[in-house]
Amino acid sequence: MKGGEKMRKKLLVGLTTVLFLFGIVCGAKAALVQWSSSIGGNDHWYEIVDSGKNGAWINAENNAIARGGHLVTINDAEEEAWLRSTFGTKIRYWIGFTDSASEGNWVWVSGESATYTHWDVGQPDNGTPPDYGEDFAVLNWNRDNGAWNDWDYLRYDYQKIDGIAEYNPVPIPGAVWLLGSGLVGFIALKRKKTDLNLV
């Protein structure tokens, strides 16, 4: 084997290994969970999406959009109960309900009709500060029953929370692509090694 070919083989092995390992690590983080409603049979997929350094609702929504979905639309009490049992009853999450376009006119970012709400007592109140109020809904504000509150990351009492994203159909995460690339690379190397041994 010539020196140049040996170097190319080492580079290919190194790159393939990195892609494979990175795919495994990222794949562990991309924990999509499926839920099928007995009421609507939606067969949607859900996962936690990051809200960025500052924890803003819009960052979580943009991360959901980038993966092919939106922040979750909660259509009924059954779906809400499943979300809480799957992602936690004590952890607060951004959901896809907002009145940022028109104060007091709450809509789902998915475009679905707002047929179900579960506001906590006295909510939404558009509380201040910040001066412009609160425009984004939070699941598990009331940790006992999951009831919602309107909130904003600019509030003085804000503690960073992430969002729950909802997808239909399931997105193909970059991690799956990376894992597949790594496997293809390993197969190619194995075939090349077998071919070299036959010569």
N, C-alpha and C. Protein backbone atom coordinates (compact mmCIF):
# COMPACT_ATOMS: atom_id res chain seq x y z
N MET A 1 0.86 -1.18 0.00
CA MET A 1 0.00 0.00 0.00
C MET A 1 0.90 1.24 0.00
N LYS A 2 0.65 2.16 -0.90
CA LYS A 2 1.47 3.37 -0.99
C LYS A 2 1.17 4.30 0.17
N GLY A 3 2.15 5.23 0.43
CA GLY A 3 2.01 6.17 1.55
C GLY A 3 0.78 7.05 1.46
N GLY A 4 0.45 7.55 0.25
CA GLY A 4 -0.73 8.41 0.06
C GLY A 4 -2.03 7.67 0.32
N GLU A 5 -2.08 6.42 -0.13
CA GLU A 5 -3.28 5.61 0.07
C GLU A 5 -3.46 5.27 1.55
N LYS A 6 -2.32 5.01 2.24
CA LYS A 6 -2.36 4.73 3.68
C LYS A 6 -2.91 5.93 4.44
N MET A 7 -2.46 7.14 4.06
CA MET A 7 -2.91 8.37 4.72
C MET A 7 -4.40 8.59 4.48
N ARG A 8 -4.86 8.35 3.23
CA ARG A 8 -6.29 8.51 2.93
C ARG A 8 -7.13 7.54 3.76
N LYS A 9 -6.62 6.30 3.89
CA LYS A 9 -7.35 5.30 4.67
C LYS A 9 -7.45 5.74 6.14
N LYS A 10 -6.35 6.25 6.70
CA LYS A 10 -6.37 6.72 8.10
C LYS A 10 -7.35 7.87 8.28
N LEU A 11 -7.35 8.80 7.33
CA LEU A 11 -8.29 9.93 7.40
C LEU A 11 -9.73 9.45 7.32
N LEU A 12 -10.00 8.51 6.41
CA LEU A 12 -11.34 7.97 6.25
C LEU A 12 -11.80 7.25 7.52
N VAL A 13 -10.91 6.45 8.10
CA VAL A 13 -11.22 5.75 9.36
C VAL A 13 -11.51 6.76 10.47
N GLY A 14 -10.68 7.79 10.57
CA GLY A 14 -10.87 8.81 11.60
C GLY A 14 -12.19 9.55 11.44
N LEU A 15 -12.49 9.97 10.21
CA LEU A 15 -13.73 10.70 9.94
C LEU A 15 -14.94 9.82 10.20
N THR A 16 -14.88 8.59 9.74
CA THR A 16 -15.99 7.66 9.95
C THR A 16 -16.24 7.43 11.43
N THR A 17 -15.18 7.26 12.18
CA THR A 17 -15.30 7.04 13.63
C THR A 17 -15.93 8.24 14.31
N VAL A 18 -15.47 9.44 13.94
CA VAL A 18 -16.03 10.66 14.54
C VAL A 18 -17.50 10.78 14.22
N LEU A 19 -17.89 10.58 12.94
CA LEU A 19 -19.30 10.67 12.57
C LEU A 19 -20.14 9.64 13.32
N PHE A 20 -19.62 8.44 13.42
CA PHE A 20 -20.35 7.37 14.10
C PHE A 20 -20.57 7.70 15.58
N LEU A 21 -19.51 8.09 16.26
CA LEU A 21 -19.61 8.41 17.68
C LEU A 21 -20.47 9.64 17.92
N PHE A 22 -20.33 10.66 17.07
CA PHE A 22 -21.14 11.87 17.21
C PHE A 22 -22.61 11.54 17.00
N GLY A 23 -22.89 10.66 16.05
CA GLY A 23 -24.27 10.23 15.82
C GLY A 23 -24.85 9.53 17.02
N ILE A 24 -24.07 8.69 17.67
CA ILE A 24 -24.55 8.00 18.87
C ILE A 24 -24.84 8.99 19.99
N VAL A 25 -23.91 9.93 20.23
CA VAL A 25 -24.09 10.92 21.29
C VAL A 25 -25.31 11.79 21.01
N CYS A 26 -25.42 12.30 19.80
CA CYS A 26 -26.57 13.15 19.45
C CYS A 26 -27.86 12.35 19.46
N GLY A 27 -27.79 11.11 19.02
CA GLY A 27 -28.99 10.27 19.00
C GLY A 27 -29.54 10.05 20.38
N ALA A 28 -28.67 9.96 21.38
CA ALA A 28 -29.13 9.79 22.75
C ALA A 28 -29.89 11.01 23.22
N LYS A 29 -29.51 12.19 22.72
CA LYS A 29 -30.20 13.42 23.11
C LYS A 29 -31.51 13.59 22.37
N ALA A 30 -31.60 13.04 21.17
CA ALA A 30 -32.80 13.23 20.35
C ALA A 30 -33.84 12.18 20.74
N ALA A 31 -34.33 12.27 21.95
CA ALA A 31 -35.25 11.27 22.49
C ALA A 31 -36.68 11.63 22.11
N LEU A 32 -37.08 11.25 20.93
CA LEU A 32 -38.45 11.49 20.49
C LEU A 32 -39.37 10.47 21.13
N VAL A 33 -40.53 10.93 21.55
CA VAL A 33 -41.51 10.05 22.18
C VAL A 33 -42.80 10.16 21.41
N GLN A 34 -43.39 9.01 21.08
CA GLN A 34 -44.64 9.02 20.32
C GLN A 34 -45.84 8.88 21.24
N TRP A 35 -46.91 9.53 20.86
CA TRP A 35 -48.17 9.40 21.59
C TRP A 35 -49.30 9.32 20.59
N SER A 36 -50.20 8.41 20.80
CA SER A 36 -51.38 8.27 19.96
C SER A 36 -52.60 8.43 20.84
N SER A 37 -53.37 9.45 20.56
CA SER A 37 -54.56 9.74 21.36
C SER A 37 -55.66 8.74 21.08
N SER A 38 -56.30 8.27 22.15
CA SER A 38 -57.45 7.38 21.96
C SER A 38 -58.65 8.18 21.46
N ILE A 39 -58.58 9.51 21.64
CA ILE A 39 -59.68 10.37 21.18
C ILE A 39 -59.50 10.69 19.70
N GLY A 40 -58.32 11.25 19.36
CA GLY A 40 -58.11 11.69 17.98
C GLY A 40 -57.16 10.83 17.18
N GLY A 41 -56.42 9.93 17.86
CA GLY A 41 -55.46 9.09 17.17
C GLY A 41 -54.42 9.88 16.40
N ASN A 42 -53.79 10.88 17.05
CA ASN A 42 -52.93 11.80 16.30
C ASN A 42 -51.58 11.24 15.90
N ASP A 43 -51.06 10.24 16.59
CA ASP A 43 -49.76 9.64 16.25
C ASP A 43 -48.66 10.68 16.06
N HIS A 44 -48.62 11.67 16.90
CA HIS A 44 -47.59 12.70 16.82
C HIS A 44 -46.40 12.31 17.67
N TRP A 45 -45.28 13.01 17.44
CA TRP A 45 -44.04 12.77 18.17
C TRP A 45 -43.67 14.03 18.93
N TYR A 46 -43.03 13.87 20.08
CA TYR A 46 -42.74 14.99 20.97
C TYR A 46 -41.31 14.88 21.48
N GLU A 47 -40.71 16.01 21.79
CA GLU A 47 -39.40 16.03 22.44
C GLU A 47 -39.19 17.40 23.09
N ILE A 48 -38.21 17.47 23.97
CA ILE A 48 -37.82 18.72 24.59
C ILE A 48 -36.92 19.46 23.62
N VAL A 49 -37.19 20.77 23.42
CA VAL A 49 -36.32 21.61 22.59
C VAL A 49 -35.76 22.73 23.45
N ASP A 50 -34.53 23.07 23.19
CA ASP A 50 -33.81 24.08 23.95
C ASP A 50 -34.37 25.48 23.66
N SER A 51 -34.37 26.33 24.68
CA SER A 51 -34.84 27.70 24.51
C SER A 51 -33.68 28.69 24.46
N GLY A 52 -32.48 28.19 24.22
CA GLY A 52 -31.33 29.07 24.05
C GLY A 52 -30.77 29.58 25.37
N LYS A 53 -29.74 30.41 25.24
CA LYS A 53 -29.06 30.95 26.42
C LYS A 53 -29.99 31.76 27.31
N ASN A 54 -30.83 32.58 26.68
CA ASN A 54 -31.70 33.46 27.48
C ASN A 54 -33.02 32.81 27.86
N GLY A 55 -33.33 31.64 27.29
CA GLY A 55 -34.55 30.93 27.65
C GLY A 55 -35.81 31.46 27.02
N ALA A 56 -35.70 32.22 25.95
CA ALA A 56 -36.88 32.84 25.32
C ALA A 56 -37.77 31.82 24.63
N TRP A 57 -39.06 32.03 24.72
CA TRP A 57 -40.06 31.18 24.07
C TRP A 57 -39.77 31.09 22.57
N ILE A 58 -39.44 32.21 21.93
CA ILE A 58 -39.23 32.23 20.48
C ILE A 58 -38.06 31.34 20.08
N ASN A 59 -37.05 31.21 20.93
CA ASN A 59 -35.93 30.31 20.62
C ASN A 59 -36.39 28.85 20.61
N ALA A 60 -37.20 28.49 21.58
CA ALA A 60 -37.74 27.13 21.62
C ALA A 60 -38.61 26.87 20.39
N GLU A 61 -39.45 27.82 20.03
CA GLU A 61 -40.31 27.68 18.85
C GLU A 61 -39.47 27.56 17.59
N ASN A 62 -38.43 28.39 17.45
CA ASN A 62 -37.57 28.31 16.26
C ASN A 62 -36.83 26.98 16.19
N ASN A 63 -36.43 26.44 17.33
CA ASN A 63 -35.78 25.13 17.34
C ASN A 63 -36.75 24.03 16.92
N ALA A 64 -38.01 24.16 17.34
CA ALA A 64 -39.03 23.19 16.92
C ALA A 64 -39.28 23.30 15.41
N ILE A 65 -39.37 24.52 14.90
CA ILE A 65 -39.59 24.73 13.47
C ILE A 65 -38.43 24.15 12.66
N ALA A 66 -37.21 24.37 13.14
CA ALA A 66 -36.02 23.87 12.42
C ALA A 66 -36.04 22.36 12.28
N ARG A 67 -36.74 21.68 13.19
CA ARG A 67 -36.81 20.22 13.14
C ARG A 67 -38.11 19.73 12.50
N GLY A 68 -38.93 20.67 12.00
CA GLY A 68 -40.12 20.27 11.27
C GLY A 68 -41.41 20.31 12.05
N GLY A 69 -41.45 21.02 13.17
CA GLY A 69 -42.67 21.08 13.96
C GLY A 69 -42.91 22.45 14.55
N HIS A 70 -43.58 22.46 15.68
CA HIS A 70 -43.86 23.68 16.46
C HIS A 70 -43.84 23.29 17.93
N LEU A 71 -43.86 24.29 18.78
CA LEU A 71 -44.10 23.99 20.19
C LEU A 71 -45.47 23.33 20.29
N VAL A 72 -45.62 22.48 21.27
CA VAL A 72 -46.78 21.61 21.37
C VAL A 72 -48.11 22.35 21.43
N THR A 73 -49.09 21.79 20.73
CA THR A 73 -50.49 22.20 20.82
C THR A 73 -51.17 21.16 21.70
N ILE A 74 -51.80 21.61 22.77
CA ILE A 74 -52.49 20.69 23.68
C ILE A 74 -53.97 20.73 23.37
N ASN A 75 -54.49 19.64 22.83
CA ASN A 75 -55.87 19.61 22.34
C ASN A 75 -56.91 19.16 23.36
N ASP A 76 -56.46 18.48 24.42
CA ASP A 76 -57.43 17.99 25.40
C ASP A 76 -56.71 17.58 26.68
N ALA A 77 -57.48 17.28 27.70
CA ALA A 77 -56.92 16.92 29.00
C ALA A 77 -56.13 15.62 28.93
N GLU A 78 -56.53 14.71 28.06
CA GLU A 78 -55.82 13.44 27.92
C GLU A 78 -54.38 13.68 27.41
N GLU A 79 -54.25 14.53 26.40
CA GLU A 79 -52.92 14.84 25.87
C GLU A 79 -52.07 15.55 26.93
N GLU A 80 -52.68 16.49 27.64
CA GLU A 80 -51.95 17.20 28.70
C GLU A 80 -51.47 16.24 29.79
N ALA A 81 -52.32 15.31 30.19
CA ALA A 81 -51.93 14.33 31.22
C ALA A 81 -50.77 13.47 30.72
N TRP A 82 -50.81 13.08 29.43
CA TRP A 82 -49.73 12.28 28.87
C TRP A 82 -48.42 13.08 28.85
N LEU A 83 -48.49 14.34 28.43
CA LEU A 83 -47.29 15.20 28.40
C LEU A 83 -46.67 15.29 29.79
N ARG A 84 -47.52 15.49 30.80
CA ARG A 84 -47.03 15.63 32.17
C ARG A 84 -46.42 14.32 32.68
N SER A 85 -47.03 13.20 32.35
CA SER A 85 -46.48 11.93 32.82
C SER A 85 -45.20 11.57 32.07
N THR A 86 -45.07 12.04 30.84
CA THR A 86 -43.89 11.72 30.03
C THR A 86 -42.72 12.65 30.33
N PHE A 87 -42.99 13.96 30.43
CA PHE A 87 -41.91 14.94 30.56
C PHE A 87 -41.77 15.51 31.97
N GLY A 88 -42.67 15.18 32.86
CA GLY A 88 -42.56 15.62 34.25
C GLY A 88 -43.67 16.54 34.68
N THR A 89 -44.09 16.38 35.93
CA THR A 89 -45.18 17.19 36.47
C THR A 89 -44.66 18.41 37.22
N LYS A 90 -43.38 18.43 37.53
CA LYS A 90 -42.82 19.53 38.33
C LYS A 90 -41.96 20.48 37.49
N ILE A 91 -41.70 20.12 36.24
CA ILE A 91 -40.86 20.94 35.37
C ILE A 91 -41.75 21.81 34.49
N ARG A 92 -41.46 23.09 34.43
CA ARG A 92 -42.22 23.99 33.58
C ARG A 92 -41.67 23.95 32.15
N TYR A 93 -42.59 24.04 31.18
CA TYR A 93 -42.21 24.02 29.77
C TYR A 93 -43.00 25.07 29.00
N TRP A 94 -42.32 25.66 28.01
CA TRP A 94 -43.04 26.50 27.05
C TRP A 94 -43.91 25.59 26.20
N ILE A 95 -45.12 26.06 25.89
CA ILE A 95 -46.00 25.37 24.94
C ILE A 95 -46.34 26.37 23.84
N GLY A 96 -46.98 25.90 22.79
CA GLY A 96 -47.18 26.73 21.59
C GLY A 96 -48.38 27.65 21.63
N PHE A 97 -48.74 28.17 22.80
CA PHE A 97 -49.90 29.05 22.94
C PHE A 97 -49.40 30.46 23.21
N THR A 98 -49.86 31.44 22.43
CA THR A 98 -49.35 32.80 22.55
C THR A 98 -50.41 33.84 22.16
N ASP A 99 -50.28 35.00 22.78
CA ASP A 99 -51.10 36.14 22.34
C ASP A 99 -50.18 37.30 21.94
N SER A 100 -48.98 36.96 21.46
CA SER A 100 -47.99 38.00 21.10
C SER A 100 -48.43 38.83 19.91
N ALA A 101 -49.24 38.27 19.02
CA ALA A 101 -49.70 39.03 17.85
C ALA A 101 -50.83 39.99 18.20
N SER A 102 -51.69 39.60 19.15
CA SER A 102 -52.84 40.42 19.53
C SER A 102 -53.17 40.12 21.00
N GLU A 103 -52.93 41.09 21.86
CA GLU A 103 -53.11 40.92 23.30
C GLU A 103 -54.50 40.37 23.63
N GLY A 104 -54.50 39.25 24.38
CA GLY A 104 -55.76 38.64 24.81
C GLY A 104 -56.34 37.65 23.82
N ASN A 105 -55.78 37.61 22.60
CA ASN A 105 -56.25 36.68 21.58
C ASN A 105 -55.27 35.51 21.49
N TRP A 106 -55.49 34.49 22.32
CA TRP A 106 -54.56 33.36 22.43
C TRP A 106 -54.78 32.39 21.28
N VAL A 107 -53.67 32.04 20.61
CA VAL A 107 -53.71 31.13 19.47
C VAL A 107 -52.58 30.11 19.58
N TRP A 108 -52.78 28.96 18.96
CA TRP A 108 -51.74 27.96 18.86
C TRP A 108 -50.87 28.27 17.65
N VAL A 109 -49.56 28.22 17.80
CA VAL A 109 -48.66 28.53 16.69
C VAL A 109 -48.78 27.51 15.57
N SER A 110 -49.33 26.34 15.85
CA SER A 110 -49.54 25.32 14.82
C SER A 110 -50.70 25.69 13.90
N GLY A 111 -51.49 26.68 14.30
CA GLY A 111 -52.66 27.07 13.51
C GLY A 111 -53.92 26.31 13.88
N GLU A 112 -53.80 25.35 14.80
CA GLU A 112 -54.98 24.59 15.22
C GLU A 112 -55.91 25.46 16.07
N SER A 113 -57.18 25.08 16.10
CA SER A 113 -58.17 25.82 16.89
C SER A 113 -57.90 25.66 18.37
N ALA A 114 -58.16 26.72 19.12
CA ALA A 114 -57.98 26.70 20.58
C ALA A 114 -59.26 26.19 21.23
N THR A 115 -59.43 24.87 21.22
CA THR A 115 -60.65 24.28 21.78
C THR A 115 -60.47 23.86 23.24
N TYR A 116 -59.21 23.81 23.71
CA TYR A 116 -58.93 23.39 25.08
C TYR A 116 -57.93 24.35 25.70
N THR A 117 -58.21 24.77 26.92
CA THR A 117 -57.24 25.55 27.71
C THR A 117 -57.27 25.03 29.14
N HIS A 118 -56.19 25.30 29.86
CA HIS A 118 -56.13 24.88 31.26
C HIS A 118 -55.35 25.94 32.06
N TRP A 119 -55.89 27.16 32.07
CA TRP A 119 -55.24 28.25 32.79
C TRP A 119 -55.35 28.04 34.29
N ASP A 120 -54.31 28.44 35.00
CA ASP A 120 -54.34 28.42 36.46
C ASP A 120 -55.29 29.53 36.93
N VAL A 121 -55.69 29.48 38.17
CA VAL A 121 -56.60 30.48 38.74
C VAL A 121 -56.01 31.89 38.53
N GLY A 122 -56.83 32.79 37.98
CA GLY A 122 -56.41 34.18 37.77
C GLY A 122 -55.54 34.40 36.54
N GLN A 123 -55.33 33.36 35.74
CA GLN A 123 -54.48 33.46 34.55
C GLN A 123 -55.33 33.30 33.29
N PRO A 124 -54.89 33.85 32.17
CA PRO A 124 -53.71 34.70 31.98
C PRO A 124 -53.99 36.10 32.51
N ASP A 125 -52.96 36.72 33.09
CA ASP A 125 -53.15 38.05 33.67
C ASP A 125 -52.31 39.14 33.01
N ASN A 126 -51.47 38.75 32.02
CA ASN A 126 -50.61 39.72 31.34
C ASN A 126 -49.82 40.55 32.34
N GLY A 127 -49.35 39.88 33.40
CA GLY A 127 -48.66 40.57 34.49
C GLY A 127 -47.43 41.35 34.06
N THR A 128 -47.14 42.36 34.80
CA THR A 128 -45.94 43.17 34.56
C THR A 128 -45.13 43.20 35.84
N PRO A 129 -43.80 43.39 35.83
CA PRO A 129 -43.01 43.59 34.62
C PRO A 129 -42.86 42.29 33.85
N PRO A 130 -42.39 42.31 32.60
CA PRO A 130 -41.96 43.47 31.82
C PRO A 130 -43.12 44.38 31.46
N ASP A 131 -42.77 45.59 31.03
CA ASP A 131 -43.79 46.60 30.76
C ASP A 131 -44.83 46.16 29.74
N TYR A 132 -44.42 45.33 28.79
CA TYR A 132 -45.36 44.93 27.75
C TYR A 132 -46.14 43.68 28.13
N GLY A 133 -45.93 43.13 29.31
CA GLY A 133 -46.73 42.00 29.78
C GLY A 133 -46.14 40.65 29.46
N GLU A 134 -47.01 39.64 29.45
CA GLU A 134 -46.61 38.26 29.27
C GLU A 134 -47.41 37.66 28.11
N ASP A 135 -46.71 37.09 27.14
CA ASP A 135 -47.38 36.66 25.91
C ASP A 135 -47.25 35.18 25.59
N PHE A 136 -46.67 34.38 26.48
CA PHE A 136 -46.39 33.00 26.13
C PHE A 136 -46.80 32.06 27.26
N ALA A 137 -47.45 30.95 26.90
CA ALA A 137 -48.00 30.03 27.90
C ALA A 137 -46.97 29.00 28.37
N VAL A 138 -47.10 28.68 29.66
CA VAL A 138 -46.22 27.73 30.33
C VAL A 138 -47.07 26.59 30.90
N LEU A 139 -46.67 25.36 30.58
CA LEU A 139 -47.29 24.17 31.17
C LEU A 139 -46.67 23.93 32.54
N ASN A 140 -47.45 23.40 33.46
CA ASN A 140 -47.01 23.06 34.83
C ASN A 140 -46.72 24.29 35.69
N TRP A 141 -47.35 25.42 35.38
CA TRP A 141 -47.19 26.56 36.28
C TRP A 141 -47.64 26.14 37.67
N ASN A 142 -48.82 25.55 37.72
CA ASN A 142 -49.30 24.93 38.95
C ASN A 142 -48.82 23.48 38.89
N ARG A 143 -47.84 23.16 39.69
CA ARG A 143 -47.21 21.85 39.58
C ARG A 143 -48.09 20.71 40.10
N ASP A 144 -49.13 21.04 40.81
CA ASP A 144 -50.03 20.00 41.30
C ASP A 144 -50.95 19.49 40.20
N ASN A 145 -51.47 20.40 39.38
CA ASN A 145 -52.43 19.98 38.35
C ASN A 145 -52.02 20.35 36.93
N GLY A 146 -50.85 20.95 36.75
CA GLY A 146 -50.35 21.27 35.42
C GLY A 146 -50.89 22.55 34.81
N ALA A 147 -51.76 23.26 35.54
CA ALA A 147 -52.41 24.46 34.98
C ALA A 147 -51.37 25.46 34.46
N TRP A 148 -51.79 26.24 33.46
CA TRP A 148 -50.91 27.12 32.70
C TRP A 148 -50.88 28.53 33.26
N ASN A 149 -49.84 29.24 32.87
CA ASN A 149 -49.70 30.68 33.16
C ASN A 149 -49.13 31.35 31.93
N ASP A 150 -49.43 32.64 31.78
CA ASP A 150 -48.73 33.42 30.76
C ASP A 150 -47.48 33.98 31.41
N TRP A 151 -46.37 33.97 30.66
CA TRP A 151 -45.08 34.32 31.24
C TRP A 151 -44.19 34.93 30.18
N ASP A 152 -43.04 35.43 30.59
CA ASP A 152 -42.07 35.98 29.65
C ASP A 152 -40.67 35.82 30.22
N TYR A 153 -39.71 35.57 29.36
CA TYR A 153 -38.33 35.35 29.83
C TYR A 153 -37.70 36.63 30.37
N LEU A 154 -38.28 37.79 30.10
CA LEU A 154 -37.72 39.05 30.59
C LEU A 154 -38.18 39.41 32.01
N ARG A 155 -39.04 38.61 32.58
CA ARG A 155 -39.49 38.87 33.95
C ARG A 155 -38.32 38.74 34.93
N TYR A 156 -38.37 39.50 35.98
CA TYR A 156 -37.32 39.46 37.00
C TYR A 156 -37.27 38.10 37.70
N ASP A 157 -38.41 37.39 37.76
CA ASP A 157 -38.47 36.11 38.46
C ASP A 157 -38.35 34.91 37.52
N TYR A 158 -37.96 35.18 36.28
CA TYR A 158 -37.86 34.10 35.30
C TYR A 158 -36.70 33.15 35.61
N GLN A 159 -36.97 31.88 35.50
CA GLN A 159 -35.93 30.85 35.57
C GLN A 159 -36.02 30.07 34.27
N LYS A 160 -34.88 29.85 33.60
CA LYS A 160 -34.85 29.26 32.26
C LYS A 160 -35.64 27.96 32.20
N ILE A 161 -36.50 27.89 31.19
CA ILE A 161 -37.23 26.67 30.89
C ILE A 161 -37.08 26.37 29.41
N ASP A 162 -37.27 25.13 29.03
CA ASP A 162 -37.23 24.73 27.63
C ASP A 162 -38.66 24.48 27.16
N GLY A 163 -38.81 24.07 25.92
CA GLY A 163 -40.13 23.84 25.37
C GLY A 163 -40.35 22.38 25.01
N ILE A 164 -41.61 22.04 24.80
CA ILE A 164 -41.95 20.71 24.27
C ILE A 164 -42.37 20.92 22.82
N ALA A 165 -41.67 20.24 21.91
CA ALA A 165 -41.99 20.32 20.49
C ALA A 165 -42.88 19.15 20.09
N GLU A 166 -43.68 19.38 19.05
CA GLU A 166 -44.58 18.35 18.53
C GLU A 166 -44.36 18.24 17.03
N TYR A 167 -44.26 17.01 16.54
CA TYR A 167 -44.00 16.77 15.12
C TYR A 167 -45.00 15.77 14.55
N ASN A 168 -45.36 15.99 13.31
CA ASN A 168 -46.15 15.02 12.57
C ASN A 168 -45.88 15.25 11.09
N PRO A 169 -45.22 14.38 10.38
CA PRO A 169 -44.68 13.11 10.83
C PRO A 169 -43.38 13.31 11.60
N VAL A 170 -42.81 12.21 12.07
CA VAL A 170 -41.58 12.28 12.85
C VAL A 170 -40.45 12.86 11.99
N PRO A 171 -39.67 13.81 12.55
CA PRO A 171 -38.55 14.36 11.79
C PRO A 171 -37.39 13.37 11.74
N ILE A 172 -36.52 13.53 10.76
CA ILE A 172 -35.31 12.72 10.71
C ILE A 172 -34.20 13.56 11.30
N PRO A 173 -33.81 13.27 12.55
CA PRO A 173 -32.80 14.09 13.20
C PRO A 173 -31.46 13.98 12.49
N GLY A 174 -30.66 15.04 12.60
CA GLY A 174 -29.32 15.04 12.04
C GLY A 174 -28.50 13.91 12.60
N ALA A 175 -28.79 13.53 13.84
CA ALA A 175 -28.03 12.44 14.47
C ALA A 175 -28.22 11.14 13.71
N VAL A 176 -29.42 10.90 13.21
CA VAL A 176 -29.68 9.68 12.45
C VAL A 176 -28.84 9.69 11.18
N TRP A 177 -28.79 10.85 10.52
CA TRP A 177 -27.98 10.98 9.32
C TRP A 177 -26.51 10.72 9.63
N LEU A 178 -26.03 11.31 10.73
CA LEU A 178 -24.63 11.11 11.10
C LEU A 178 -24.35 9.64 11.42
N LEU A 179 -25.25 9.01 12.14
CA LEU A 179 -25.06 7.61 12.48
C LEU A 179 -25.04 6.77 11.21
N GLY A 180 -25.97 7.05 10.30
CA GLY A 180 -26.00 6.33 9.02
C GLY A 180 -24.73 6.54 8.22
N SER A 181 -24.22 7.78 8.20
CA SER A 181 -22.98 8.07 7.48
C SER A 181 -21.83 7.28 8.06
N GLY A 182 -21.77 7.21 9.37
CA GLY A 182 -20.71 6.45 10.01
C GLY A 182 -20.78 4.98 9.67
N LEU A 183 -22.00 4.41 9.67
CA LEU A 183 -22.17 2.99 9.35
C LEU A 183 -21.79 2.71 7.90
N VAL A 184 -22.20 3.59 6.99
CA VAL A 184 -21.83 3.43 5.58
C VAL A 184 -20.31 3.47 5.43
N GLY A 185 -19.67 4.37 6.13
CA GLY A 185 -18.21 4.46 6.09
C GLY A 185 -17.54 3.19 6.58
N PHE A 186 -18.05 2.63 7.69
CA PHE A 186 -17.48 1.40 8.22
C PHE A 186 -17.67 0.24 7.23
N ILE A 187 -18.85 0.16 6.61
CA ILE A 187 -19.10 -0.90 5.63
C ILE A 187 -18.16 -0.76 4.44
N ALA A 188 -17.97 0.49 3.97
CA ALA A 188 -17.07 0.73 2.84
C ALA A 188 -15.65 0.32 3.19
N LEU A 189 -15.20 0.64 4.41
CA LEU A 189 -13.85 0.27 4.83
C LEU A 189 -13.71 -1.25 4.89
N LYS A 190 -14.72 -1.92 5.42
CA LYS A 190 -14.66 -3.37 5.55
C LYS A 190 -14.58 -4.01 4.17
N ARG A 191 -15.38 -3.50 3.22
CA ARG A 191 -15.35 -4.04 1.85
C ARG A 191 -13.98 -3.80 1.21
N LYS A 192 -13.44 -2.59 1.42
CA LYS A 192 -12.14 -2.27 0.81
C LYS A 192 -11.07 -3.17 1.38
N LYS A 193 -11.13 -3.43 2.69
CA LYS A 193 -10.14 -4.30 3.33
C LYS A 193 -10.27 -5.71 2.78
N THR A 194 -11.51 -6.19 2.62
CA THR A 194 -11.74 -7.52 2.06
C THR A 194 -11.21 -7.59 0.63
N ASP A 195 -11.47 -6.55 -0.18
CA ASP A 195 -10.99 -6.52 -1.55
C ASP A 195 -9.47 -6.55 -1.60
N LEU A 196 -8.80 -5.82 -0.69
CA LEU A 196 -7.34 -5.78 -0.67
C LEU A 196 -6.77 -7.14 -0.29
N ASN A 197 -7.46 -7.86 0.61
CA ASN A 197 -6.99 -9.18 1.03
C ASN A 197 -7.13 -10.22 -0.09
N LEU A 198 -8.08 -10.00 -0.99
CA LEU A 198 -8.30 -10.93 -2.09
C LEU A 198 -7.24 -10.78 -3.18
N VAL A 199 -6.63 -9.59 -3.25
CA VAL A 199 -5.66 -9.31 -4.31
C VAL A 199 -4.33 -9.99 -4.03
